[in-house]
Amino acid sequence: MSERARQAAAEAAAALVEDGMLVGLGTGRTMDLVLQVLSERIATEGLRVTGVATSEATASRAWALSIPLADADAPCDLALDGADQVERSTLRLIKGGGGALLREKIVAESARRFVVVAEASKLVDRLGQDFALPVEVVPFGYSATARRLAALGGAPEVRRRGGAPIRTDNGNLVLDCPGFAVIRDPFTLERCLRAVAGVVASGLFLLPVECVLVGDDDGSVAELRP
């Protein structure tokens, strides 16, 4: 997605925010633009909004842009976030490429409305196409957890950066599981993953999505609904 397309989608998402809302703020490049637009609305319109950040990176960005933040104690009126994959026919998602899947899922599942901002390349016919499903696991006994995921067919690999395992903001590890592709029955897979001791969350987002905003290079935004 070009910067123009990303900006258009970000503006469309930020336009959904109304005065007095508690808004879930997702993580990623497009969400950085959403934060920028919200900051401008606060400055120029006097918009009163409080955010709930889904990552330390988003929190730092929000504070720098003078967007007030609150803890994730109350349901958000609206949650805005990106996605790594969007299944066209159902608008089910895979998230977690940035490692914030647990906090993103907590915020999204408790929100009254959930809207996704995505580029056209993220739209797929089936979840898992050319993308490894992320699974967040606790560090204790993670090798045993990985063996259980391998037995399910996940072919898990510890996500690393510079050779060292990446830690999420929660101090956990991420196991990327390319073996689950293509995911034809995501609900059954999610139940199986939740039954594995040590699994904290998967990147499967199967909750209802109000709409997906897809920006185009000409500055238009397509609105996909279930």
C-alpha atoms as a PDB file:
ATOM      1  CA  MET A   1       0.000   0.000   0.000  1.00  0.00           C
ATOM      2  CA  SER A   2       1.341   3.402  -0.946  1.00  0.00           C
ATOM      3  CA  GLU A   3       1.611   6.177   1.601  1.00  0.00           C
ATOM      4  CA  ARG A   4      -1.359   7.899  -0.036  1.00  0.00           C
ATOM      5  CA  ALA A   5      -3.485   4.778   0.325  1.00  0.00           C
ATOM      6  CA  ARG A   6      -2.343   4.252   3.900  1.00  0.00           C
ATOM      7  CA  GLN A   7      -3.070   7.895   4.762  1.00  0.00           C
ATOM      8  CA  ALA A   8      -6.557   7.695   3.240  1.00  0.00           C
ATOM      9  CA  ALA A   9      -7.379   4.570   5.246  1.00  0.00           C
ATOM     10  CA  ALA A  10      -5.998   6.136   8.408  1.00  0.00           C
ATOM     11  CA  GLU A  11      -8.109   9.257   7.939  1.00  0.00           C
ATOM     12  CA  ALA A  12     -11.231   7.165   7.347  1.00  0.00           C
ATOM     13  CA  ALA A  13     -10.564   5.224  10.539  1.00  0.00           C
ATOM     14  CA  ALA A  14      -9.868   8.319  12.624  1.00  0.00           C
ATOM     15  CA  ALA A  15     -13.064   9.916  11.312  1.00  0.00           C
ATOM     16  CA  LEU A  16     -15.052   7.223  13.134  1.00  0.00           C
ATOM     17  CA  VAL A  17     -13.842   8.517  16.499  1.00  0.00           C
ATOM     18  CA  GLU A  18     -16.414  10.688  18.246  1.00  0.00           C
ATOM     19  CA  ASP A  19     -16.088  13.111  21.124  1.00  0.00           C
ATOM     20  CA  GLY A  20     -15.798  11.431  24.515  1.00  0.00           C
ATOM     21  CA  MET A  21     -14.916   7.981  23.181  1.00  0.00           C
ATOM     22  CA  LEU A  22     -12.597   5.450  24.765  1.00  0.00           C
ATOM     23  CA  VAL A  23     -10.695   4.094  21.755  1.00  0.00           C
ATOM     24  CA  GLY A  24      -8.520   1.013  21.424  1.00  0.00           C
ATOM     25  CA  LEU A  25      -5.349   1.934  19.565  1.00  0.00           C
ATOM     26  CA  GLY A  26      -3.700  -0.890  17.645  1.00  0.00           C
ATOM     27  CA  THR A  27      -0.105  -1.320  16.587  1.00  0.00           C
ATOM     28  CA  GLY A  28       1.655  -0.869  13.254  1.00  0.00           C
ATOM     29  CA  ARG A  29       2.525   1.610  10.509  1.00  0.00           C
ATOM     30  CA  THR A  30      -1.024   2.478   9.528  1.00  0.00           C
ATOM     31  CA  MET A  31      -2.026   2.885  13.165  1.00  0.00           C
ATOM     32  CA  ASP A  32       0.829   5.372  13.562  1.00  0.00           C
ATOM     33  CA  LEU A  33      -0.917   7.476  10.926  1.00  0.00           C
ATOM     34  CA  VAL A  34      -4.261   7.065  12.711  1.00  0.00           C
ATOM     35  CA  LEU A  35      -2.630   8.402  15.875  1.00  0.00           C
ATOM     36  CA  GLN A  36      -1.287  11.375  13.946  1.00  0.00           C
ATOM     37  CA  VAL A  37      -4.741  12.210  12.572  1.00  0.00           C
ATOM     38  CA  LEU A  38      -6.317  11.864  16.021  1.00  0.00           C
ATOM     39  CA  SER A  39      -3.681  14.179  17.453  1.00  0.00           C
ATOM     40  CA  GLU A  40      -4.508  16.762  14.785  1.00  0.00           C
ATOM     41  CA  ARG A  41      -8.220  16.473  15.551  1.00  0.00           C
ATOM     42  CA  ILE A  42      -7.509  16.988  19.248  1.00  0.00           C
ATOM     43  CA  ALA A  43      -5.524  20.120  18.453  1.00  0.00           C
ATOM     44  CA  THR A  44      -7.842  21.639  15.831  1.00  0.00           C
ATOM     45  CA  GLU A  45     -11.310  20.402  16.819  1.00  0.00           C
ATOM     46  CA  GLY A  46     -10.925  20.082  20.560  1.00  0.00           C
ATOM     47  CA  LEU A  47     -11.758  16.385  20.242  1.00  0.00           C
ATOM     48  CA  ARG A  48     -11.918  14.715  23.635  1.00  0.00           C
ATOM     49  CA  VAL A  49     -10.730  11.141  23.350  1.00  0.00           C
ATOM     50  CA  THR A  50      -8.911   8.644  25.541  1.00  0.00           C
ATOM     51  CA  GLY A  51      -6.914   5.796  24.066  1.00  0.00           C
ATOM     52  CA  VAL A  52      -6.087   2.280  25.224  1.00  0.00           C
ATOM     53  CA  ALA A  53      -2.733   1.285  23.733  1.00  0.00           C
ATOM     54  CA  THR A  54      -2.158  -2.303  22.612  1.00  0.00           C
ATOM     55  CA  SER A  55       1.643  -2.078  22.838  1.00  0.00           C
ATOM     56  CA  GLU A  56       4.385  -0.108  24.519  1.00  0.00           C
ATOM     57  CA  ALA A  57       5.312   1.303  21.108  1.00  0.00           C
ATOM     58  CA  THR A  58       1.787   2.607  20.560  1.00  0.00           C
ATOM     59  CA  ALA A  59       1.701   4.035  24.077  1.00  0.00           C
ATOM     60  CA  SER A  60       4.955   5.925  23.513  1.00  0.00           C
ATOM     61  CA  ARG A  61       3.696   7.273  20.203  1.00  0.00           C
ATOM     62  CA  ALA A  62       0.361   8.340  21.711  1.00  0.00           C
ATOM     63  CA  TRP A  63       2.003  10.155  24.619  1.00  0.00           C
ATOM     64  CA  ALA A  64       4.316  11.958  22.183  1.00  0.00           C
ATOM     65  CA  LEU A  65       1.252  13.128  20.232  1.00  0.00           C
ATOM     66  CA  SER A  66      -0.575  14.275  23.396  1.00  0.00           C
ATOM     67  CA  ILE A  67      -3.251  11.592  23.171  1.00  0.00           C
ATOM     68  CA  PRO A  68      -4.423  10.728  26.722  1.00  0.00           C
ATOM     69  CA  LEU A  69      -4.251   7.038  27.628  1.00  0.00           C
ATOM     70  CA  ALA A  70      -6.071   4.805  30.079  1.00  0.00           C
ATOM     71  CA  ASP A  71      -5.650   1.213  31.226  1.00  0.00           C
ATOM     72  CA  ALA A  72      -7.666  -1.536  29.554  1.00  0.00           C
ATOM     73  CA  ASP A  73     -10.109  -1.774  32.470  1.00  0.00           C
ATOM     74  CA  ALA A  74     -13.289  -0.687  30.686  1.00  0.00           C
ATOM     75  CA  PRO A  75     -14.676  -1.796  27.301  1.00  0.00           C
ATOM     76  CA  CYS A  76     -13.630   0.539  24.513  1.00  0.00           C
ATOM     77  CA  ASP A  77     -16.345   2.250  22.514  1.00  0.00           C
ATOM     78  CA  LEU A  78     -14.310   1.572  19.383  1.00  0.00           C
ATOM     79  CA  ALA A  79     -11.150  -0.427  18.690  1.00  0.00           C
ATOM     80  CA  LEU A  80      -9.040   0.447  15.636  1.00  0.00           C
ATOM     81  CA  ASP A  81      -6.283  -1.872  14.449  1.00  0.00           C
ATOM     82  CA  GLY A  82      -4.519  -3.314  11.444  1.00  0.00           C
ATOM     83  CA  ALA A  83      -4.194  -6.938  10.337  1.00  0.00           C
ATOM     84  CA  ASP A  84      -1.649  -9.218   8.740  1.00  0.00           C
ATOM     85  CA  GLN A  85      -4.318 -11.144   6.845  1.00  0.00           C
ATOM     86  CA  VAL A  86      -8.025 -10.599   6.224  1.00  0.00           C
ATOM     87  CA  GLU A  87     -10.149 -13.432   4.853  1.00  0.00           C
ATOM     88  CA  ARG A  88     -12.296 -11.810   2.172  1.00  0.00           C
ATOM     89  CA  SER A  89     -15.489 -13.806   2.632  1.00  0.00           C
ATOM     90  CA  THR A  90     -15.636 -13.680   6.440  1.00  0.00           C
ATOM     91  CA  LEU A  91     -13.375 -10.772   7.535  1.00  0.00           C
ATOM     92  CA  ARG A  92     -11.684 -13.127   9.996  1.00  0.00           C
ATOM     93  CA  LEU A  93      -8.125 -12.092  10.704  1.00  0.00           C
ATOM     94  CA  ILE A  94      -4.602 -13.174  11.455  1.00  0.00           C
ATOM     95  CA  LYS A  95      -2.675 -10.686  13.566  1.00  0.00           C
ATOM     96  CA  GLY A  96       0.536 -10.776  15.532  1.00  0.00           C
ATOM     97  CA  GLY A  97       3.197  -9.992  12.963  1.00  0.00           C
ATOM     98  CA  GLY A  98       4.302  -7.176  15.246  1.00  0.00           C
ATOM     99  CA  GLY A  99       4.131  -9.339  18.355  1.00  0.00           C
ATOM    100  CA  ALA A 100       1.291  -7.433  20.057  1.00  0.00           C
ATOM    101  CA  LEU A 101      -1.373 -10.104  19.478  1.00  0.00           C
ATOM    102  CA  LEU A 102      -2.369 -10.719  23.111  1.00  0.00           C
ATOM    103  CA  ARG A 103      -2.973  -7.078  24.029  1.00  0.00           C
ATOM    104  CA  GLU A 104      -4.610  -6.438  20.664  1.00  0.00           C
ATOM    105  CA  LYS A 105      -6.966  -9.373  21.236  1.00  0.00           C
ATOM    106  CA  ILE A 106      -7.851  -8.284  24.769  1.00  0.00           C
ATOM    107  CA  VAL A 107      -8.758  -4.784  23.589  1.00  0.00           C
ATOM    108  CA  ALA A 108     -10.593  -5.909  20.446  1.00  0.00           C
ATOM    109  CA  GLU A 109     -12.656  -8.591  22.179  1.00  0.00           C
ATOM    110  CA  SER A 110     -13.858  -6.186  24.870  1.00  0.00           C
ATOM    111  CA  ALA A 111     -14.666  -3.317  22.481  1.00  0.00           C
ATOM    112  CA  ARG A 112     -18.217  -2.484  21.494  1.00  0.00           C
ATOM    113  CA  ARG A 113     -17.068  -1.910  17.880  1.00  0.00           C
ATOM    114  CA  PHE A 114     -14.001  -3.275  16.087  1.00  0.00           C
ATOM    115  CA  VAL A 115     -12.784  -1.696  12.834  1.00  0.00           C
ATOM    116  CA  VAL A 116      -9.754  -2.874  10.887  1.00  0.00           C
ATOM    117  CA  VAL A 117      -7.493  -0.814   8.624  1.00  0.00           C
ATOM    118  CA  ALA A 118      -5.754  -2.963   6.000  1.00  0.00           C
ATOM    119  CA  GLU A 119      -4.003  -2.744   2.672  1.00  0.00           C
ATOM    120  CA  ALA A 120      -5.285  -4.647  -0.354  1.00  0.00           C
ATOM    121  CA  SER A 121      -2.353  -7.079  -0.258  1.00  0.00           C
ATOM    122  CA  LYS A 122      -3.566  -8.330   3.138  1.00  0.00           C
ATOM    123  CA  LEU A 123      -6.807  -9.677   1.649  1.00  0.00           C
ATOM    124  CA  VAL A 124      -6.695 -13.455   1.138  1.00  0.00           C
ATOM    125  CA  ASP A 125      -9.094 -16.219   0.171  1.00  0.00           C
ATOM    126  CA  ARG A 126      -8.027 -18.403   3.109  1.00  0.00           C
ATOM    127  CA  LEU A 127      -6.218 -17.506   6.314  1.00  0.00           C
ATOM    128  CA  GLY A 128      -2.682 -18.817   6.540  1.00  0.00           C
ATOM    129  CA  GLN A 129      -1.842 -18.418   2.855  1.00  0.00           C
ATOM    130  CA  ASP A 130       1.892 -17.663   2.773  1.00  0.00           C
ATOM    131  CA  PHE A 131       1.809 -16.484   6.385  1.00  0.00           C
ATOM    132  CA  ALA A 132       2.794 -18.367   9.539  1.00  0.00           C
ATOM    133  CA  LEU A 133       0.231 -18.198  12.334  1.00  0.00           C
ATOM    134  CA  PRO A 134       1.788 -16.516  15.407  1.00  0.00           C
ATOM    135  CA  VAL A 135       1.199 -18.146  18.791  1.00  0.00           C
ATOM    136  CA  GLU A 136       2.285 -16.371  21.976  1.00  0.00           C
ATOM    137  CA  VAL A 137       3.558 -18.728  24.674  1.00  0.00           C
ATOM    138  CA  VAL A 138       5.021 -18.381  28.157  1.00  0.00           C
ATOM    139  CA  PRO A 139       8.807 -18.889  28.311  1.00  0.00           C
ATOM    140  CA  PHE A 140       8.605 -21.569  31.019  1.00  0.00           C
ATOM    141  CA  GLY A 141       8.675 -24.968  29.331  1.00  0.00           C
ATOM    142  CA  TYR A 142       8.237 -23.428  25.887  1.00  0.00           C
ATOM    143  CA  SER A 143      10.010 -26.399  24.274  1.00  0.00           C
ATOM    144  CA  ALA A 144       7.290 -28.678  25.625  1.00  0.00           C
ATOM    145  CA  THR A 145       4.657 -26.266  24.333  1.00  0.00           C
ATOM    146  CA  ALA A 146       6.370 -26.234  20.944  1.00  0.00           C
ATOM    147  CA  ARG A 147       6.291 -30.040  20.834  1.00  0.00           C
ATOM    148  CA  ARG A 148       2.537 -29.986  21.457  1.00  0.00           C
ATOM    149  CA  LEU A 149       2.083 -27.473  18.649  1.00  0.00           C
ATOM    150  CA  ALA A 150       4.256 -29.593  16.390  1.00  0.00           C
ATOM    151  CA  ALA A 151       2.053 -32.599  17.158  1.00  0.00           C
ATOM    152  CA  LEU A 152      -0.909 -30.546  15.961  1.00  0.00           C
ATOM    153  CA  GLY A 153       0.940 -29.940  12.694  1.00  0.00           C
ATOM    154  CA  GLY A 154       2.069 -26.363  13.334  1.00  0.00           C
ATOM    155  CA  ALA A 155       5.809 -26.791  12.644  1.00  0.00           C
ATOM    156  CA  PRO A 156       6.537 -24.022  15.195  1.00  0.00           C
ATOM    157  CA  GLU A 157       9.631 -21.825  15.027  1.00  0.00           C
ATOM    158  CA  VAL A 158      10.720 -19.388  17.734  1.00  0.00           C
ATOM    159  CA  ARG A 159      10.593 -15.843  16.393  1.00  0.00           C
ATOM    160  CA  ARG A 160      14.045 -14.291  16.637  1.00  0.00           C
ATOM    161  CA  ARG A 161      15.827 -11.051  15.954  1.00  0.00           C
ATOM    162  CA  GLY A 162      19.591 -11.091  15.563  1.00  0.00           C
ATOM    163  CA  GLY A 163      19.617 -14.705  16.673  1.00  0.00           C
ATOM    164  CA  ALA A 164      17.944 -13.996  20.022  1.00  0.00           C
ATOM    165  CA  PRO A 165      14.313 -14.923  20.782  1.00  0.00           C
ATOM    166  CA  ILE A 166      11.978 -11.954  20.618  1.00  0.00           C
ATOM    167  CA  ARG A 167      10.051 -11.131  23.772  1.00  0.00           C
ATOM    168  CA  THR A 168       6.608  -9.558  23.635  1.00  0.00           C
ATOM    169  CA  ASP A 169       5.618  -6.639  25.854  1.00  0.00           C
ATOM    170  CA  ASN A 170       4.279  -9.299  28.223  1.00  0.00           C
ATOM    171  CA  GLY A 171       7.665 -11.028  28.419  1.00  0.00           C
ATOM    172  CA  ASN A 172       6.473 -13.998  26.399  1.00  0.00           C
ATOM    173  CA  LEU A 173       7.790 -15.742  23.281  1.00  0.00           C
ATOM    174  CA  VAL A 174       6.195 -15.981  19.847  1.00  0.00           C
ATOM    175  CA  LEU A 175       6.140 -19.283  17.964  1.00  0.00           C
ATOM    176  CA  ASP A 176       5.412 -18.826  14.269  1.00  0.00           C
ATOM    177  CA  CYS A 177       3.552 -21.846  12.909  1.00  0.00           C
ATOM    178  CA  PRO A 178       3.606 -22.159   9.103  1.00  0.00           C
ATOM    179  CA  GLY A 179       2.416 -25.759   9.280  1.00  0.00           C
ATOM    180  CA  PHE A 180      -1.176 -24.773  10.007  1.00  0.00           C
ATOM    181  CA  ALA A 181      -1.646 -23.253   6.529  1.00  0.00           C
ATOM    182  CA  VAL A 182      -4.096 -23.223   4.893  1.00  0.00           C
ATOM    183  CA  ILE A 183      -6.529 -22.757   7.794  1.00  0.00           C
ATOM    184  CA  ARG A 184      -9.872 -24.177   6.695  1.00  0.00           C
ATOM    185  CA  ASP A 185     -11.451 -24.563  10.152  1.00  0.00           C
ATOM    186  CA  PRO A 186     -10.121 -21.703  12.288  1.00  0.00           C
ATOM    187  CA  PHE A 187     -12.560 -22.228  15.153  1.00  0.00           C
ATOM    188  CA  THR A 188     -11.463 -25.829  15.702  1.00  0.00           C
ATOM    189  CA  LEU A 189      -7.808 -24.814  15.447  1.00  0.00           C
ATOM    190  CA  GLU A 190      -8.342 -22.039  17.987  1.00  0.00           C
ATOM    191  CA  ARG A 191      -9.945 -24.481  20.435  1.00  0.00           C
ATOM    192  CA  CYS A 192      -7.039 -26.906  20.007  1.00  0.00           C
ATOM    193  CA  LEU A 193      -4.481 -24.159  20.598  1.00  0.00           C
ATOM    194  CA  ARG A 194      -6.233 -22.921  23.719  1.00  0.00           C
ATOM    195  CA  ALA A 195      -6.105 -26.449  25.131  1.00  0.00           C
ATOM    196  CA  VAL A 196      -2.290 -26.502  25.006  1.00  0.00           C
ATOM    197  CA  ALA A 197      -0.666 -25.615  28.327  1.00  0.00           C
ATOM    198  CA  GLY A 198       1.652 -22.655  27.859  1.00  0.00           C
ATOM    199  CA  VAL A 199      -0.263 -21.050  25.008  1.00  0.00           C
ATOM    200  CA  VAL A 200      -1.316 -17.521  25.920  1.00  0.00           C
ATOM    201  CA  ALA A 201      -2.968 -16.456  22.670  1.00  0.00           C
ATOM    202  CA  SER A 202      -2.992 -17.201  18.964  1.00  0.00           C
ATOM    203  CA  GLY A 203      -3.031 -14.733  16.114  1.00  0.00           C
ATOM    204  CA  LEU A 204      -6.470 -15.918  15.010  1.00  0.00           C
ATOM    205  CA  PHE A 205      -8.986 -13.099  15.437  1.00  0.00           C
ATOM    206  CA  LEU A 206     -12.387 -14.679  14.875  1.00  0.00           C
ATOM    207  CA  LEU A 207     -14.541 -12.057  16.596  1.00  0.00           C
ATOM    208  CA  PRO A 208     -17.044 -10.046  14.554  1.00  0.00           C
ATOM    209  CA  VAL A 209     -15.502  -7.130  12.665  1.00  0.00           C
ATOM    210  CA  GLU A 210     -17.720  -4.144  11.936  1.00  0.00           C
ATOM    211  CA  CYS A 211     -15.822  -3.317   8.764  1.00  0.00           C
ATOM    212  CA  VAL A 212     -12.414  -3.320   7.097  1.00  0.00           C
ATOM    213  CA  LEU A 213     -11.182  -0.057   5.590  1.00  0.00           C
ATOM    214  CA  VAL A 214      -8.938  -0.604   2.565  1.00  0.00           C
ATOM    215  CA  GLY A 215      -7.119   2.427   1.154  1.00  0.00           C
ATOM    216  CA  ASP A 216      -6.361   2.810  -2.551  1.00  0.00           C
ATOM    217  CA  ASP A 217      -3.539   4.637  -4.329  1.00  0.00           C
ATOM    218  CA  ASP A 218      -6.039   7.160  -5.711  1.00  0.00           C
ATOM    219  CA  GLY A 219      -6.968   8.218  -2.171  1.00  0.00           C
ATOM    220  CA  SER A 220     -10.299   6.373  -2.068  1.00  0.00           C
ATOM    221  CA  VAL A 221     -11.225   3.911   0.672  1.00  0.00           C
ATOM    222  CA  ALA A 222     -13.215   0.726   0.193  1.00  0.00           C
ATOM    223  CA  GLU A 223     -15.357  -0.380   3.124  1.00  0.00           C
ATOM    224  CA  LEU A 224     -15.693  -4.137   3.429  1.00  0.00           C
ATOM    225  CA  ARG A 225     -18.416  -5.545   5.674  1.00  0.00           C
ATOM    226  CA  PRO A 226     -19.204  -9.133   6.700  1.00  0.00           C
END
